[in-house]
Amino acid sequence: MTEKLLQLHDDISSLSCRENIVSVLIYGTTVNSSDIANDLDVVIVARKINPSLRTLFELLCSEFKNLDFNVYSEEEFFNNLSYYTRGFKLEYLAKGFCIYGINIFEQEYKKVDKYSYRQSILIRSIEHLQIVRQKYFSASFDPDQKFRCFKKYFLRISKNILLFKGVCDHSSVNNMTDSEIMENLFDLGAFSVLPNLKEVRTLEEYLSLFDIISDALIKCKKEFDSQTPHTNF
């Protein structure tokens, strides 16, 4: 962790709104990247959402050019009004770095049951699938942007399926190569064919690969429904 991030704790501790802050957690590539001069992914939980928090955001915005954040009240967080895909999101955030307050994300993730966790992965993966289709048919993105998006979400959903299957956790799946992810899914029967991402050259070829993803998610949904009472998403 860089000195800049560690310094944030002292800076936040001196703010007038500090008593209102429950937790400030950074996550994503920011945690492990040495190049965090401009970017910060952060989640903030406060006792009350009120104007006093402006001083916190003034501090963060003065230090980081690109600030990606979510803000929740303590009551919202503990009453499951923070994340729709709560189990999936909490696992991700539990591995974040708490720069102020307590890591309530880690504590809450320990309470997530297998049913809720698998359900949250399915919901999130279906949302990702729709993001891909929206970008493909949208005129607001150029081909390069779409291509990067397709690769990002193909791998992201593939990782989600491995998490759903319970063969790995976030840490281990993120350490896999692209080929290892594909091979694991093929061996599990999630993929009927073994995709070779290195051979994909066009948007149309990538779009066709999402048929494989769709089939895999349908299999996951059927598996989920066969083991638990029917739940409307």
Protein backbone atom coordinates (compact mmCIF):
# COMPACT_ATOMS: atom_id res chain seq x y z
CA MET A 1 0.00 0.00 0.00
CA THR A 2 1.38 3.39 -0.94
CA GLU A 3 2.09 6.19 1.51
CA LYS A 4 -0.57 8.26 -0.24
CA LEU A 5 -3.30 5.83 0.71
CA LEU A 6 -1.99 5.38 4.23
CA GLN A 7 -1.95 9.15 4.64
CA LEU A 8 -5.68 9.20 3.88
CA HIS A 9 -6.41 7.64 7.25
CA ASP A 10 -4.76 10.54 9.08
CA ASP A 11 -6.42 13.07 6.82
CA ILE A 12 -9.89 11.57 7.34
CA SER A 13 -9.27 11.38 11.10
CA SER A 14 -8.88 15.15 11.18
CA LEU A 15 -12.16 15.90 9.38
CA SER A 16 -15.07 17.43 11.23
CA CYS A 17 -17.36 14.67 9.90
CA ARG A 18 -15.21 11.81 11.21
CA GLU A 19 -17.75 10.79 13.87
CA ASN A 20 -20.32 10.25 11.13
CA ILE A 21 -18.11 7.87 9.14
CA VAL A 22 -18.45 4.13 9.80
CA SER A 23 -16.17 2.79 7.09
CA VAL A 24 -14.14 3.96 4.11
CA LEU A 25 -12.94 1.07 2.00
CA ILE A 26 -10.95 1.06 -1.22
CA TYR A 27 -11.10 -1.89 -3.59
CA GLY A 28 -10.27 -3.15 -7.07
CA THR A 29 -6.99 -2.55 -8.84
CA THR A 30 -6.37 0.47 -6.64
CA VAL A 31 -5.47 -1.84 -3.74
CA ASN A 32 -2.67 -3.65 -5.56
CA SER A 33 -1.58 -1.08 -8.12
CA SER A 34 1.43 1.15 -7.64
CA ASP A 35 -0.10 3.70 -10.02
CA ILE A 36 -2.93 5.19 -7.98
CA ALA A 37 -2.09 8.85 -8.46
CA ASN A 38 -5.38 9.64 -10.21
CA ASP A 39 -7.80 6.79 -9.55
CA LEU A 40 -9.70 5.62 -6.49
CA ASP A 41 -12.49 3.05 -6.16
CA VAL A 42 -14.10 3.56 -2.79
CA VAL A 43 -17.18 2.59 -0.76
CA ILE A 44 -18.29 4.79 2.12
CA VAL A 45 -20.71 3.85 4.87
CA ALA A 46 -21.90 6.67 7.12
CA ARG A 47 -24.17 6.79 10.12
CA LYS A 48 -26.26 9.43 8.38
CA ILE A 49 -26.17 10.76 4.82
CA ASN A 50 -26.02 14.48 5.38
CA PRO A 51 -24.08 17.57 4.23
CA SER A 52 -21.30 16.93 6.74
CA LEU A 53 -19.88 14.34 4.32
CA ARG A 54 -18.96 17.08 1.86
CA THR A 55 -15.65 17.59 3.64
CA LEU A 56 -14.79 13.94 3.04
CA PHE A 57 -15.51 14.22 -0.66
CA GLU A 58 -13.64 17.48 -0.92
CA LEU A 59 -10.61 15.68 0.49
CA LEU A 60 -10.94 12.69 -1.85
CA CYS A 61 -11.54 14.84 -4.92
CA SER A 62 -8.52 16.99 -4.11
CA GLU A 63 -6.30 13.90 -4.03
CA PHE A 64 -7.75 11.80 -6.84
CA LYS A 65 -8.79 12.97 -10.29
CA ASN A 66 -10.96 9.91 -11.05
CA LEU A 67 -13.15 8.99 -8.10
CA ASP A 68 -15.54 6.03 -8.43
CA PHE A 69 -17.65 5.74 -5.29
CA ASN A 70 -20.77 4.41 -3.59
CA VAL A 71 -22.24 5.90 -0.42
CA TYR A 72 -24.62 4.11 1.95
CA SER A 73 -26.06 4.79 5.35
CA GLU A 74 -25.28 2.34 8.13
CA GLU A 75 -28.95 1.40 8.35
CA GLU A 76 -29.14 0.71 4.61
CA PHE A 77 -26.07 -1.47 4.73
CA PHE A 78 -27.16 -3.66 7.62
CA ASN A 79 -30.69 -3.99 6.24
CA ASN A 80 -29.53 -5.22 2.82
CA LEU A 81 -30.41 -2.03 0.98
CA SER A 82 -26.86 -1.47 -0.18
CA TYR A 83 -26.23 -4.08 -2.88
CA TYR A 84 -28.78 -5.98 -4.93
CA THR A 85 -26.19 -8.69 -5.60
CA ARG A 86 -25.06 -8.56 -1.99
CA GLY A 87 -23.26 -11.89 -1.56
CA PHE A 88 -21.24 -11.48 -4.74
CA LYS A 89 -20.33 -7.87 -3.97
CA LEU A 90 -19.43 -8.52 -0.35
CA GLU A 91 -16.94 -11.23 -1.29
CA TYR A 92 -15.21 -8.74 -3.56
CA LEU A 93 -15.20 -5.94 -0.99
CA ALA A 94 -14.13 -8.19 1.89
CA LYS A 95 -10.72 -8.30 0.24
CA GLY A 96 -10.51 -4.52 0.00
CA PHE A 97 -8.45 -2.22 2.20
CA CYS A 98 -10.23 -0.31 4.96
CA ILE A 99 -8.52 3.06 5.27
CA TYR A 100 -10.85 4.37 7.96
CA GLY A 101 -13.25 2.80 10.45
CA ILE A 102 -13.91 -0.93 10.49
CA ASN A 103 -14.14 -3.43 7.63
CA ILE A 104 -17.84 -4.21 8.02
CA PHE A 105 -17.80 -5.73 4.53
CA GLU A 106 -15.61 -8.59 5.70
CA GLN A 107 -17.77 -9.14 8.76
CA GLU A 108 -20.99 -9.22 6.75
CA TYR A 109 -19.59 -11.54 4.08
CA LYS A 110 -19.06 -14.21 6.75
CA LYS A 111 -22.84 -14.22 7.24
CA VAL A 112 -23.68 -14.88 3.57
CA ASP A 113 -25.21 -18.32 2.98
CA LYS A 114 -24.55 -20.45 -0.09
CA TYR A 115 -28.03 -19.95 -1.53
CA SER A 116 -27.83 -16.14 -1.44
CA TYR A 117 -24.27 -16.17 -2.73
CA ARG A 118 -25.04 -18.32 -5.77
CA GLN A 119 -28.19 -16.36 -6.50
CA SER A 120 -26.26 -13.08 -6.43
CA ILE A 121 -23.69 -14.43 -8.89
CA LEU A 122 -26.41 -15.45 -11.33
CA ILE A 123 -28.10 -12.06 -11.13
CA ARG A 124 -24.84 -10.19 -11.65
CA SER A 125 -23.81 -12.39 -14.58
CA ILE A 126 -27.14 -11.85 -16.32
CA GLU A 127 -26.68 -8.10 -15.88
CA HIS A 128 -23.19 -8.36 -17.42
CA LEU A 129 -24.59 -10.26 -20.38
CA GLN A 130 -27.05 -7.45 -21.02
CA ILE A 131 -24.29 -4.84 -20.79
CA VAL A 132 -22.46 -6.60 -23.63
CA ARG A 133 -25.52 -6.67 -25.88
CA GLN A 134 -26.34 -3.05 -25.12
CA LYS A 135 -22.85 -1.95 -26.11
CA TYR A 136 -22.81 -4.07 -29.28
CA PHE A 137 -26.00 -2.53 -30.66
CA SER A 138 -25.28 0.97 -29.35
CA ALA A 139 -23.96 3.71 -31.63
CA SER A 140 -22.29 5.48 -28.71
CA PHE A 141 -19.17 3.29 -28.65
CA ASP A 142 -16.48 2.77 -31.26
CA PRO A 143 -15.33 -0.75 -32.30
CA ASP A 144 -12.23 -0.65 -30.09
CA GLN A 145 -14.30 0.24 -27.03
CA LYS A 146 -16.73 -2.55 -27.79
CA PHE A 147 -13.95 -5.09 -28.33
CA ARG A 148 -12.35 -4.26 -24.97
CA CYS A 149 -15.73 -4.46 -23.30
CA PHE A 150 -16.44 -7.87 -24.81
CA LYS A 151 -13.16 -9.35 -23.62
CA LYS A 152 -13.59 -7.85 -20.16
CA TYR A 153 -17.08 -9.22 -19.67
CA PHE A 154 -16.48 -12.59 -21.29
CA LEU A 155 -13.74 -13.23 -18.74
CA ARG A 156 -15.72 -11.67 -15.91
CA ILE A 157 -18.79 -13.87 -16.49
CA SER A 158 -16.54 -16.91 -16.97
CA LYS A 159 -14.99 -16.23 -13.57
CA ASN A 160 -18.46 -15.80 -12.09
CA ILE A 161 -19.46 -19.25 -13.31
CA LEU A 162 -16.42 -20.80 -11.65
CA LEU A 163 -17.38 -19.02 -8.43
CA PHE A 164 -20.94 -20.28 -8.79
CA LYS A 165 -19.63 -23.81 -9.21
CA GLY A 166 -17.66 -23.44 -5.99
CA VAL A 167 -14.36 -24.65 -7.42
CA CYS A 168 -12.48 -21.49 -6.42
CA ASP A 169 -12.76 -18.16 -4.66
CA HIS A 170 -12.04 -14.63 -5.87
CA SER A 171 -8.35 -14.82 -5.07
CA SER A 172 -7.69 -18.08 -6.88
CA VAL A 173 -9.81 -17.30 -9.93
CA ASN A 174 -8.09 -13.94 -10.36
CA ASN A 175 -4.74 -15.71 -10.41
CA MET A 176 -5.78 -17.98 -13.29
CA THR A 177 -4.71 -17.31 -16.86
CA ASP A 178 -7.38 -16.85 -19.52
CA SER A 179 -6.63 -20.34 -20.85
CA GLU A 180 -6.92 -21.90 -17.40
CA ILE A 181 -10.32 -20.31 -16.90
CA MET A 182 -11.58 -21.65 -20.24
CA GLU A 183 -10.16 -25.13 -19.61
CA ASN A 184 -11.70 -25.33 -16.14
CA LEU A 185 -15.13 -24.40 -17.47
CA PHE A 186 -14.83 -26.90 -20.30
CA ASP A 187 -13.79 -29.68 -17.90
CA LEU A 188 -16.75 -28.83 -15.64
CA GLY A 189 -19.14 -29.12 -18.60
CA ALA A 190 -20.16 -25.46 -18.35
CA PHE A 191 -18.81 -24.87 -21.86
CA SER A 192 -19.65 -27.35 -24.61
CA VAL A 193 -16.68 -26.15 -26.67
CA LEU A 194 -13.31 -24.82 -25.59
CA PRO A 195 -13.04 -21.12 -26.57
CA ASN A 196 -9.69 -19.78 -27.75
CA LEU A 197 -9.76 -16.06 -27.02
CA LYS A 198 -6.47 -15.51 -28.84
CA GLU A 199 -8.16 -16.40 -32.13
CA VAL A 200 -11.00 -13.91 -31.77
CA ARG A 201 -10.49 -11.04 -34.20
CA THR A 202 -13.86 -9.39 -34.78
CA LEU A 203 -16.81 -8.13 -32.76
CA GLU A 204 -19.05 -10.65 -34.46
CA GLU A 205 -16.79 -13.53 -33.37
CA TYR A 206 -16.85 -12.25 -29.81
CA LEU A 207 -20.63 -11.83 -29.89
CA SER A 208 -21.01 -15.45 -30.95
CA LEU A 209 -18.91 -16.51 -27.97
CA PHE A 210 -21.54 -15.02 -25.71
CA ASP A 211 -23.91 -17.72 -26.97
CA ILE A 212 -21.64 -20.11 -25.07
CA ILE A 213 -21.89 -17.85 -22.01
CA SER A 214 -25.67 -17.74 -22.32
CA ASP A 215 -25.87 -21.56 -22.52
CA ALA A 216 -23.60 -21.84 -19.47
CA LEU A 217 -25.76 -19.43 -17.46
CA ILE A 218 -28.90 -21.34 -18.40
CA LYS A 219 -27.24 -24.52 -17.08
CA CYS A 220 -26.33 -22.70 -13.87
CA LYS A 221 -29.88 -21.41 -13.47
CA LYS A 222 -31.32 -24.92 -13.93
CA GLU A 223 -28.84 -26.30 -11.42
CA PHE A 224 -29.76 -23.56 -8.96
CA ASP A 225 -33.50 -24.15 -9.38
CA SER A 226 -33.15 -27.90 -8.97
CA GLN A 227 -31.49 -27.54 -5.58
CA THR A 228 -33.49 -24.71 -4.05
CA PRO A 229 -37.11 -23.50 -3.97
CA HIS A 230 -38.06 -21.44 -7.03
CA THR A 231 -37.17 -17.79 -6.60
CA ASN A 232 -38.18 -14.97 -8.91
CA PHE A 233 -35.25 -12.77 -9.78
